[in-house]
Amino acid sequence: MAEIVVHHEGGDRFSVVVRRHTLLVDQPDGQGQDLGPTPTELFVAGLASCVGYYAERFLQRHDVPVDGLKVLCRFEMSKDGPSRVGSVALEVLVPAHLTESQAEALRRVAEHCTVHNSIRTAPDIVTSVSAGRQAA
């Protein structure tokens, strides 16, 4: 099982340790200083970057140049409760020419990236609280 550790760094700021990488999340208002993306932005960025990875692998398999590949992502929060991301629009920008069938195949591949699949078939999530204990 993979492990990610989140440490409070003061105010609304947290460091997120993933393997040997440390990311900073923060809030743009309140006690935050906007020193990093919000957790919600990281969630959506995870989806967009997973789509990018699957697109890159598809293009490589089909001998299509990947230079300049980009994924544009726009999202909105739901206007209905509970607080959550309500919609996400992803656009895969491929500078090289694709046939209609290649573009459709790429769209289908991108829609089945690991993060897409994890949203569609929600993982089991268990939350517990351990008072008086600190993570190493």
Protein backbone atom coordinates (compact mmCIF):
# COMPACT_ATOMS: atom_id res chain seq x y z
CA MET A 1 0.00 0.00 0.00
CA ALA A 2 1.33 3.44 -0.93
CA GLU A 3 1.65 6.07 1.78
CA ILE A 4 1.32 9.85 1.70
CA VAL A 5 1.94 11.92 4.84
CA VAL A 6 0.48 15.40 5.35
CA HIS A 7 2.11 17.72 7.92
CA HIS A 8 0.56 20.94 9.24
CA GLU A 9 3.00 23.80 8.59
CA GLY A 10 1.07 26.68 10.17
CA GLY A 11 -1.99 28.69 9.26
CA ASP A 12 -3.84 26.85 6.47
CA ARG A 13 -0.59 25.46 5.00
CA PHE A 14 0.35 21.77 4.80
CA SER A 15 3.27 19.88 3.32
CA VAL A 16 2.38 16.68 1.50
CA VAL A 17 5.11 14.03 1.33
CA VAL A 18 4.74 11.58 -1.56
CA ARG A 19 7.64 9.12 -1.70
CA ARG A 20 10.64 11.50 -1.80
CA HIS A 21 8.68 14.52 -3.07
CA THR A 22 7.24 17.29 -0.94
CA LEU A 23 4.36 19.44 -2.17
CA LEU A 24 2.88 22.47 -0.45
CA VAL A 25 -0.86 23.11 -0.24
CA ASP A 26 -2.36 26.30 1.11
CA GLN A 27 -5.50 28.39 0.94
CA PRO A 28 -5.69 31.75 -0.85
CA ASP A 29 -7.66 33.37 1.98
CA GLY A 30 -8.36 33.08 5.71
CA GLN A 31 -5.19 31.95 7.46
CA GLY A 32 -3.62 30.89 4.17
CA GLN A 33 -0.97 32.78 2.24
CA ASP A 34 -1.61 31.21 -1.18
CA LEU A 35 1.84 29.58 -1.18
CA GLY A 36 0.60 26.52 -3.05
CA PRO A 37 -2.48 25.05 -4.69
CA THR A 38 -5.46 24.05 -2.58
CA PRO A 39 -6.18 20.36 -1.94
CA THR A 40 -9.11 20.59 -4.36
CA GLU A 41 -6.85 22.03 -7.06
CA LEU A 42 -4.41 19.14 -6.46
CA PHE A 43 -7.29 16.68 -6.85
CA VAL A 44 -8.28 18.14 -10.22
CA ALA A 45 -4.61 18.50 -11.24
CA GLY A 46 -4.18 14.79 -10.52
CA LEU A 47 -6.96 14.05 -13.00
CA ALA A 48 -5.54 16.39 -15.64
CA SER A 49 -2.00 15.05 -15.29
CA CYS A 50 -3.22 11.44 -15.42
CA VAL A 51 -5.04 12.24 -18.68
CA GLY A 52 -1.80 13.81 -19.95
CA TYR A 53 0.16 10.68 -19.09
CA TYR A 54 -2.33 8.39 -20.84
CA ALA A 55 -2.37 10.72 -23.87
CA GLU A 56 1.42 10.72 -24.04
CA ARG A 57 1.56 6.92 -23.90
CA PHE A 58 -1.14 6.65 -26.62
CA LEU A 59 0.74 9.03 -28.90
CA GLN A 60 4.03 7.17 -28.32
CA ARG A 61 2.36 3.83 -29.21
CA HIS A 62 1.03 5.33 -32.44
CA ASP A 63 4.29 7.06 -33.41
CA VAL A 64 2.74 10.52 -33.08
CA PRO A 65 5.09 13.28 -31.83
CA VAL A 66 4.38 14.31 -28.25
CA ASP A 67 6.30 17.61 -28.23
CA GLY A 68 3.94 20.36 -27.17
CA LEU A 69 1.29 18.02 -25.75
CA LYS A 70 -0.86 19.88 -23.19
CA VAL A 71 -3.99 19.26 -21.19
CA LEU A 72 -6.16 22.27 -20.40
CA CYS A 73 -8.40 21.76 -17.41
CA ARG A 74 -11.25 23.90 -16.12
CA PHE A 75 -13.37 23.02 -13.12
CA GLU A 76 -16.23 24.44 -11.10
CA MET A 77 -17.41 23.70 -7.62
CA SER A 78 -20.90 22.28 -7.21
CA LYS A 79 -23.57 24.80 -6.35
CA ASP A 80 -25.44 22.08 -4.46
CA GLY A 81 -24.21 20.47 -1.24
CA PRO A 82 -22.07 18.81 -0.16
CA SER A 83 -18.95 20.83 -0.95
CA ARG A 84 -17.34 19.12 -3.94
CA VAL A 85 -16.08 19.58 -7.48
CA GLY A 86 -19.21 19.77 -9.64
CA SER A 87 -17.76 19.69 -13.15
CA VAL A 88 -14.44 19.25 -14.90
CA ALA A 89 -13.70 20.02 -18.55
CA LEU A 90 -10.49 18.55 -19.98
CA GLU A 91 -9.08 19.40 -23.41
CA VAL A 92 -6.13 17.41 -24.73
CA LEU A 93 -4.10 19.59 -27.10
CA VAL A 94 -2.07 17.52 -29.57
CA PRO A 95 0.06 19.70 -31.89
CA ALA A 96 0.51 16.84 -34.39
CA HIS A 97 -2.21 15.88 -36.86
CA LEU A 98 -4.56 13.09 -35.81
CA THR A 99 -7.17 11.36 -37.94
CA GLU A 100 -10.73 11.42 -36.63
CA SER A 101 -10.44 7.80 -35.55
CA GLN A 102 -7.13 8.47 -33.74
CA ALA A 103 -8.62 11.47 -31.95
CA GLU A 104 -11.65 9.41 -30.87
CA ALA A 105 -9.43 6.54 -29.71
CA LEU A 106 -7.28 9.00 -27.74
CA ARG A 107 -10.39 10.49 -26.11
CA ARG A 108 -11.56 7.01 -25.06
CA VAL A 109 -8.13 6.14 -23.67
CA ALA A 110 -7.93 9.43 -21.75
CA GLU A 111 -11.37 8.86 -20.24
CA HIS A 112 -10.15 5.59 -18.73
CA CYS A 113 -7.05 6.84 -16.94
CA THR A 114 -6.52 5.59 -13.40
CA VAL A 115 -7.86 8.78 -11.80
CA HIS A 116 -10.99 8.76 -14.01
CA ASN A 117 -11.57 5.13 -13.05
CA SER A 118 -11.07 5.92 -9.36
CA ILE A 119 -13.72 8.64 -9.51
CA ARG A 120 -16.22 6.54 -11.46
CA THR A 121 -15.79 3.52 -9.19
CA ALA A 122 -15.21 5.17 -5.86
CA PRO A 123 -12.53 3.63 -3.66
CA ASP A 124 -13.32 2.46 -0.14
CA ILE A 125 -12.24 5.28 2.16
CA VAL A 126 -11.83 4.73 5.89
CA THR A 127 -11.00 7.65 8.19
CA SER A 128 -9.79 7.12 11.75
CA VAL A 129 -8.47 9.43 14.43
CA SER A 130 -5.47 8.59 16.64
CA ALA A 131 -5.27 11.16 19.42
CA GLY A 132 -1.97 11.73 21.21
CA ARG A 133 0.05 10.15 18.40
CA GLN A 134 2.32 11.74 15.78
CA ALA A 135 3.29 10.26 12.45
CA ALA A 136 6.98 9.54 12.01
